[in-house]
Protein backbone atom coordinates (compact mmCIF):
# COMPACT_ATOMS: atom_id res chain seq x y z
CA MET A 1 0.00 0.00 0.00
CA ARG A 2 2.86 2.35 0.90
CA ALA A 3 4.58 1.54 -2.38
CA ALA A 4 1.47 2.45 -4.37
CA ALA A 5 1.08 5.72 -2.48
CA ALA A 6 4.75 6.56 -2.99
CA LEU A 7 4.44 5.74 -6.69
CA LEU A 8 1.40 8.03 -7.05
CA ILE A 9 3.11 10.83 -5.15
CA GLY A 10 6.22 10.40 -7.28
CA MET A 11 4.20 10.46 -10.54
CA ALA A 12 2.03 13.45 -9.57
CA PRO A 13 4.39 16.09 -11.06
CA ILE A 14 4.67 14.09 -14.29
CA LEU A 15 0.90 13.69 -14.60
CA ALA A 16 0.35 17.36 -13.81
CA ALA A 17 2.94 18.39 -16.37
CA CYS A 18 1.33 16.20 -19.07
CA LYS A 19 -2.03 17.76 -18.42
CA GLN A 20 -0.59 21.25 -18.49
CA GLN A 21 1.37 20.68 -21.69
CA MET A 22 -1.68 19.25 -23.46
CA ALA A 23 -3.86 22.13 -22.32
CA GLU A 24 -1.43 24.84 -23.40
CA GLN A 25 -0.24 23.81 -26.82
CA PRO A 26 1.08 26.50 -29.12
CA ARG A 27 -1.59 27.94 -31.36
CA TYR A 28 -2.45 31.12 -33.23
CA ASN A 29 -5.50 33.31 -32.94
CA PRO A 30 -6.98 34.53 -36.23
CA LEU A 31 -4.86 37.24 -37.85
CA ASP A 32 -1.94 36.79 -35.41
CA ALA A 33 1.55 37.31 -36.79
CA SER A 34 3.64 34.22 -37.42
CA ASN A 35 7.25 33.62 -38.36
CA GLN A 36 6.34 30.17 -39.66
CA PHE A 37 5.28 31.49 -43.08
CA ALA A 38 7.09 33.84 -45.45
CA ASP A 39 4.25 36.39 -45.48
CA GLY A 40 4.32 36.62 -41.66
CA ALA A 41 0.60 35.82 -41.26
CA SER A 42 -0.81 32.86 -39.36
CA ALA A 43 -4.09 32.76 -41.31
CA ARG A 44 -3.88 30.96 -44.63
CA MET A 45 -5.94 31.59 -47.73
CA PRO A 46 -8.04 28.59 -48.82
CA ILE A 47 -6.54 26.48 -51.56
CA ALA A 48 -7.94 27.23 -55.02
CA GLY A 49 -11.06 25.15 -55.63
CA THR A 50 -11.94 24.79 -51.95
CA VAL A 51 -15.70 24.66 -51.36
CA GLU A 52 -17.70 25.20 -48.21
CA ARG A 53 -18.79 22.11 -46.31
CA ASN A 54 -22.50 22.50 -47.12
CA GLU A 55 -22.13 23.95 -50.60
CA GLU A 56 -23.70 21.97 -53.43
CA LEU A 57 -21.02 21.14 -55.95
CA ALA A 58 -23.21 21.16 -59.03
CA ALA A 59 -25.85 23.65 -60.01
CA GLY A 60 -29.16 21.93 -59.38
CA PRO A 61 -31.97 21.73 -61.87
CA GLN A 62 -34.68 24.36 -61.63
CA THR A 63 -37.48 22.02 -62.65
CA ILE A 64 -38.25 18.36 -61.98
CA PRO A 65 -35.39 16.53 -63.73
CA TYR A 66 -37.31 13.28 -64.29
CA PRO A 67 -40.12 12.39 -66.68
CA ILE A 68 -43.47 12.72 -64.90
CA THR A 69 -44.70 9.13 -64.87
CA LEU A 70 -47.25 7.27 -62.81
CA ALA A 71 -44.39 5.48 -61.02
CA LEU A 72 -42.77 8.81 -60.09
CA LEU A 73 -46.05 10.19 -58.78
CA GLN A 74 -46.76 7.04 -56.78
CA HIS A 75 -43.30 7.18 -55.24
CA GLY A 76 -43.74 10.89 -54.53
CA ARG A 77 -47.10 10.19 -52.90
CA GLN A 78 -45.57 7.52 -50.65
CA ARG A 79 -42.73 9.84 -49.58
CA PHE A 80 -45.19 12.75 -49.16
CA GLU A 81 -47.38 10.67 -46.86
CA ILE A 82 -44.38 9.74 -44.73
CA PHE A 83 -42.59 13.08 -44.47
CA CYS A 84 -45.07 15.83 -45.40
CA ALA A 85 -48.64 14.72 -44.63
CA PRO A 86 -48.31 14.80 -40.82
CA CYS A 87 -48.15 18.60 -41.05
CA HIS A 88 -49.42 19.46 -44.55
CA GLY A 89 -52.28 16.92 -44.59
CA LEU A 90 -52.97 14.25 -47.18
CA ALA A 91 -54.61 16.81 -49.45
CA GLY A 92 -51.80 19.36 -49.01
CA ASP A 93 -54.19 21.85 -47.43
CA GLY A 94 -52.17 22.42 -44.23
CA ARG A 95 -54.58 20.45 -42.05
CA GLY A 96 -52.37 17.58 -40.98
CA VAL A 97 -52.48 15.69 -37.69
CA ILE A 98 -49.69 17.79 -36.18
CA ALA A 99 -51.51 21.04 -36.93
CA ARG A 100 -54.71 19.69 -35.35
CA HIS A 101 -52.79 19.12 -32.11
CA GLY A 102 -51.80 22.73 -31.57
CA PHE A 103 -48.68 23.17 -33.70
CA PRO A 104 -48.56 25.99 -36.25
CA SER A 105 -50.43 25.15 -39.46
CA PRO A 106 -48.24 25.12 -42.55
CA PRO A 107 -49.47 26.94 -45.64
CA SER A 108 -51.76 25.18 -48.06
CA TYR A 109 -50.11 24.07 -51.29
CA HIS A 110 -53.26 25.30 -53.03
CA GLN A 111 -52.69 29.00 -52.35
CA ASP A 112 -51.53 31.16 -55.25
CA ALA A 113 -48.06 31.87 -53.82
CA LEU A 114 -47.16 28.17 -53.66
CA ARG A 115 -48.90 27.31 -56.93
CA GLN A 116 -46.69 29.91 -58.60
CA ALA A 117 -43.52 28.97 -56.69
CA SER A 118 -40.84 27.29 -58.76
CA ASP A 119 -40.15 23.58 -58.51
CA ARG A 120 -36.70 24.47 -57.21
CA HIS A 121 -38.23 26.55 -54.39
CA LEU A 122 -40.28 23.57 -53.20
CA TYR A 123 -37.21 21.32 -53.47
CA ASP A 124 -35.10 23.81 -51.48
CA VAL A 125 -37.74 24.12 -48.75
CA ILE A 126 -37.79 20.32 -48.39
CA THR A 127 -33.99 20.34 -48.27
CA ASN A 128 -33.35 23.29 -45.93
CA GLY A 129 -36.65 23.80 -44.14
CA TYR A 130 -38.51 27.09 -43.91
CA GLY A 131 -39.86 28.92 -40.88
CA VAL A 132 -40.71 26.25 -38.31
CA MET A 133 -40.40 23.44 -40.87
CA TYR A 134 -37.58 21.00 -40.17
CA PRO A 135 -35.00 20.53 -42.94
CA TYR A 136 -35.22 17.09 -44.54
CA GLY A 137 -32.05 17.28 -46.66
CA SER A 138 -30.28 14.68 -44.53
CA ARG A 139 -33.29 12.34 -44.38
CA VAL A 140 -34.81 12.47 -47.85
CA PRO A 141 -32.54 11.70 -50.83
CA PRO A 142 -32.58 14.20 -53.74
CA ALA A 143 -34.49 11.88 -56.09
CA ASP A 144 -37.20 11.44 -53.46
CA ARG A 145 -37.39 15.20 -52.94
CA TRP A 146 -38.03 15.68 -56.66
CA ALA A 147 -40.68 12.93 -56.54
CA ILE A 148 -42.37 14.78 -53.67
CA VAL A 149 -42.30 18.01 -55.68
CA ALA A 150 -43.92 16.18 -58.62
CA TYR A 151 -46.63 14.85 -56.32
CA ILE A 152 -47.23 18.32 -54.82
CA ARG A 153 -47.68 19.64 -58.37
CA ALA A 154 -50.19 16.83 -59.03
CA LEU A 155 -52.09 17.80 -55.85
CA GLN A 156 -52.14 21.42 -56.95
CA TYR A 157 -53.22 20.52 -60.48
CA SER A 158 -56.03 18.34 -59.13
CA ARG A 159 -57.70 21.41 -57.60
CA ASP A 160 -56.84 24.08 -60.10
CA VAL A 161 -57.02 22.65 -63.62
CA PRO A 162 -58.71 25.02 -66.09
CA MET A 163 -61.91 23.58 -67.59
CA ALA A 164 -60.58 24.30 -71.08
CA GLN A 165 -57.84 21.72 -70.54
CA LEU A 166 -60.25 18.89 -69.67
CA SER A 167 -61.51 16.39 -72.21
CA ASP A 168 -65.18 16.62 -73.25
CA ASP A 169 -65.89 13.29 -71.54
CA LEU A 170 -64.43 14.48 -68.24
CA LYS A 171 -66.28 17.82 -68.47
CA ALA A 172 -69.55 15.96 -68.94
CA ARG A 173 -68.89 13.71 -65.93
CA LEU A 174 -67.97 16.68 -63.72
CA GLN A 175 -71.11 18.54 -64.73
CA GLY A 176 -73.33 15.61 -63.77
CA GLY A 177 -73.47 13.95 -67.15
CA ALA A 178 -73.19 10.27 -67.91
CA ALA A 179 -70.78 8.19 -65.87
CA PRO A 180 -68.24 6.05 -67.73
């Protein structure tokens, strides 16, 4: 027991010195002078071609980069129901389960401002969040985000299609005519 105590007492200065040396390593504050470099500055300019950590390396498309197919819309619907519908509602009207339990209601996708928003704006909001909306960039892959945007456009189109763009058969059915 005495030997262990003597060993600890004998090692105390060494242990204290190690801690002190590790805590007080030489370093430079930003813009301090330094004799380590020829220009005398401690701060270094970034190497040519350096990009920020969160910067996208390629310019992203401004519109949905995939053909709008039934498979894309079905995939977008599935992803929308998982990630978006709890707040935005299944119809995209901002009446999701979360909003009915006291959280702020998100805007309806059927309002003019979001109907006129670019596809890229919707994609960026999914990626980075907006207001109280959580960013989903780390949880939803880019292809899925574009599928969600396509599905949102389908939701919007389902409520705001001009009558002139409908087929005669569909116009007749909507106006109470013969069913197919």
